[in-house]
Amino acid sequence: MIQMMMSAIGGSSATRGAQQQQALKLRKLVGFAIVSSGLAVIVAQALQHALGA
């Protein structure tokens, strides 16, 4: 309830800082997921090539 009121007013700098930090963590996590899935595709293709499938 208080958070809703704070965000409606504009929020405190601490709240904004926490939100920015959370957004940065989320961005890093999504980036890691994209990179790791790309590597998994490359490894799968290399295995298919090595096995001649």
N, C-alpha and C. Protein backbone atom coordinates (compact mmCIF):
# COMPACT_ATOMS: atom_id res chain seq x y z
N MET A 1 0.84 -1.20 0.00
CA MET A 1 0.00 0.00 0.00
C MET A 1 0.88 1.25 0.00
N ILE A 2 1.85 1.27 0.90
CA ILE A 2 2.74 2.43 0.98
C ILE A 2 3.57 2.52 -0.29
N GLN A 3 4.01 1.38 -0.82
CA GLN A 3 4.81 1.40 -2.05
C GLN A 3 4.00 1.97 -3.21
N MET A 4 2.72 1.64 -3.26
CA MET A 4 1.88 2.17 -4.33
C MET A 4 1.77 3.68 -4.22
N MET A 5 1.62 4.17 -3.01
CA MET A 5 1.52 5.62 -2.80
C MET A 5 2.84 6.30 -3.15
N MET A 6 3.94 5.68 -2.76
CA MET A 6 5.26 6.25 -3.05
C MET A 6 5.51 6.29 -4.55
N SER A 7 5.14 5.22 -5.25
CA SER A 7 5.37 5.20 -6.69
C SER A 7 4.45 6.19 -7.40
N ALA A 8 3.26 6.42 -6.85
CA ALA A 8 2.35 7.40 -7.45
C ALA A 8 2.92 8.81 -7.29
N ILE A 9 3.57 9.05 -6.17
CA ILE A 9 4.16 10.37 -5.93
C ILE A 9 5.45 10.54 -6.72
N GLY A 10 6.14 9.46 -6.96
CA GLY A 10 7.42 9.53 -7.65
C GLY A 10 8.44 8.64 -6.99
N GLY A 11 8.16 8.20 -5.81
CA GLY A 11 9.02 7.28 -5.10
C GLY A 11 10.25 7.94 -4.53
N SER A 12 10.86 7.27 -3.60
CA SER A 12 12.08 7.79 -3.00
C SER A 12 13.27 7.37 -3.84
N SER A 13 14.39 8.02 -3.61
CA SER A 13 15.58 7.66 -4.37
C SER A 13 16.04 6.26 -4.02
N ALA A 14 15.80 5.82 -2.79
CA ALA A 14 16.16 4.46 -2.39
C ALA A 14 15.32 3.44 -3.16
N THR A 15 14.04 3.74 -3.31
CA THR A 15 13.16 2.83 -4.06
C THR A 15 13.57 2.76 -5.51
N ARG A 16 13.86 3.91 -6.09
CA ARG A 16 14.30 3.92 -7.49
C ARG A 16 15.62 3.19 -7.65
N GLY A 17 16.53 3.38 -6.71
CA GLY A 17 17.82 2.68 -6.77
C GLY A 17 17.64 1.19 -6.70
N ALA A 18 16.75 0.73 -5.83
CA ALA A 18 16.49 -0.70 -5.71
C ALA A 18 15.85 -1.24 -6.99
N GLN A 19 14.96 -0.47 -7.58
CA GLN A 19 14.33 -0.91 -8.82
C GLN A 19 15.35 -0.96 -9.95
N GLN A 20 16.24 0.01 -10.00
CA GLN A 20 17.26 0.01 -11.05
C GLN A 20 18.20 -1.17 -10.88
N GLN A 21 18.54 -1.48 -9.62
CA GLN A 21 19.42 -2.61 -9.35
C GLN A 21 18.74 -3.92 -9.74
N GLN A 22 17.45 -4.01 -9.45
CA GLN A 22 16.70 -5.22 -9.81
C GLN A 22 16.61 -5.35 -11.34
N ALA A 23 16.39 -4.23 -12.03
CA ALA A 23 16.32 -4.26 -13.49
C ALA A 23 17.66 -4.67 -14.08
N LEU A 24 18.75 -4.21 -13.49
CA LEU A 24 20.08 -4.58 -13.98
C LEU A 24 20.32 -6.07 -13.79
N LYS A 25 19.92 -6.61 -12.64
CA LYS A 25 20.07 -8.04 -12.41
C LYS A 25 19.26 -8.84 -13.42
N LEU A 26 18.04 -8.37 -13.69
CA LEU A 26 17.18 -9.06 -14.65
C LEU A 26 17.80 -9.03 -16.05
N ARG A 27 18.34 -7.86 -16.42
CA ARG A 27 18.99 -7.74 -17.73
C ARG A 27 20.18 -8.68 -17.84
N LYS A 28 20.97 -8.77 -16.78
CA LYS A 28 22.13 -9.67 -16.79
C LYS A 28 21.67 -11.12 -16.90
N LEU A 29 20.61 -11.47 -16.19
CA LEU A 29 20.10 -12.83 -16.23
C LEU A 29 19.59 -13.19 -17.62
N VAL A 30 18.87 -12.27 -18.24
CA VAL A 30 18.36 -12.52 -19.60
C VAL A 30 19.52 -12.64 -20.58
N GLY A 31 20.51 -11.78 -20.44
CA GLY A 31 21.69 -11.86 -21.30
C GLY A 31 22.41 -13.18 -21.15
N PHE A 32 22.56 -13.63 -19.91
CA PHE A 32 23.21 -14.91 -19.66
C PHE A 32 22.41 -16.05 -20.29
N ALA A 33 21.09 -15.99 -20.20
CA ALA A 33 20.24 -17.04 -20.78
C ALA A 33 20.40 -17.08 -22.29
N ILE A 34 20.46 -15.91 -22.93
CA ILE A 34 20.60 -15.85 -24.38
C ILE A 34 21.95 -16.42 -24.81
N VAL A 35 23.01 -16.01 -24.12
CA VAL A 35 24.35 -16.49 -24.47
C VAL A 35 24.47 -17.98 -24.25
N SER A 36 23.96 -18.48 -23.13
CA SER A 36 24.08 -19.91 -22.85
C SER A 36 23.25 -20.74 -23.82
N SER A 37 22.09 -20.25 -24.23
CA SER A 37 21.30 -21.01 -25.21
C SER A 37 21.98 -21.00 -26.56
N GLY A 38 22.63 -19.89 -26.90
CA GLY A 38 23.39 -19.84 -28.16
C GLY A 38 24.54 -20.83 -28.15
N LEU A 39 25.24 -20.91 -27.02
CA LEU A 39 26.34 -21.87 -26.91
C LEU A 39 25.82 -23.30 -26.99
N ALA A 40 24.66 -23.55 -26.41
CA ALA A 40 24.08 -24.90 -26.47
C ALA A 40 23.77 -25.29 -27.91
N VAL A 41 23.30 -24.34 -28.70
CA VAL A 41 23.01 -24.61 -30.11
C VAL A 41 24.30 -24.93 -30.85
N ILE A 42 25.34 -24.15 -30.59
CA ILE A 42 26.63 -24.37 -31.26
C ILE A 42 27.19 -25.75 -30.90
N VAL A 43 27.11 -26.13 -29.63
CA VAL A 43 27.60 -27.43 -29.20
C VAL A 43 26.79 -28.55 -29.84
N ALA A 44 25.48 -28.38 -29.91
CA ALA A 44 24.63 -29.41 -30.53
C ALA A 44 24.97 -29.58 -32.00
N GLN A 45 25.19 -28.47 -32.70
CA GLN A 45 25.54 -28.56 -34.11
C GLN A 45 26.91 -29.21 -34.29
N ALA A 46 27.85 -28.90 -33.41
CA ALA A 46 29.19 -29.50 -33.49
C ALA A 46 29.09 -31.00 -33.26
N LEU A 47 28.27 -31.42 -32.31
CA LEU A 47 28.10 -32.85 -32.07
C LEU A 47 27.47 -33.55 -33.26
N GLN A 48 26.46 -32.92 -33.85
CA GLN A 48 25.83 -33.52 -35.03
C GLN A 48 26.84 -33.65 -36.17
N HIS A 49 27.67 -32.64 -36.33
CA HIS A 49 28.68 -32.69 -37.39
C HIS A 49 29.72 -33.77 -37.10
N ALA A 50 30.14 -33.88 -35.84
CA ALA A 50 31.14 -34.87 -35.47
C ALA A 50 30.61 -36.29 -35.61
N LEU A 51 29.32 -36.46 -35.31
CA LEU A 51 28.75 -37.81 -35.39
C LEU A 51 28.25 -38.14 -36.80
N GLY A 52 28.24 -37.15 -37.66
CA GLY A 52 27.83 -37.36 -39.04
C GLY A 52 26.33 -37.52 -39.20
N ALA A 53 25.57 -37.00 -38.27
CA ALA A 53 24.11 -37.14 -38.34
C ALA A 53 23.52 -36.04 -39.18
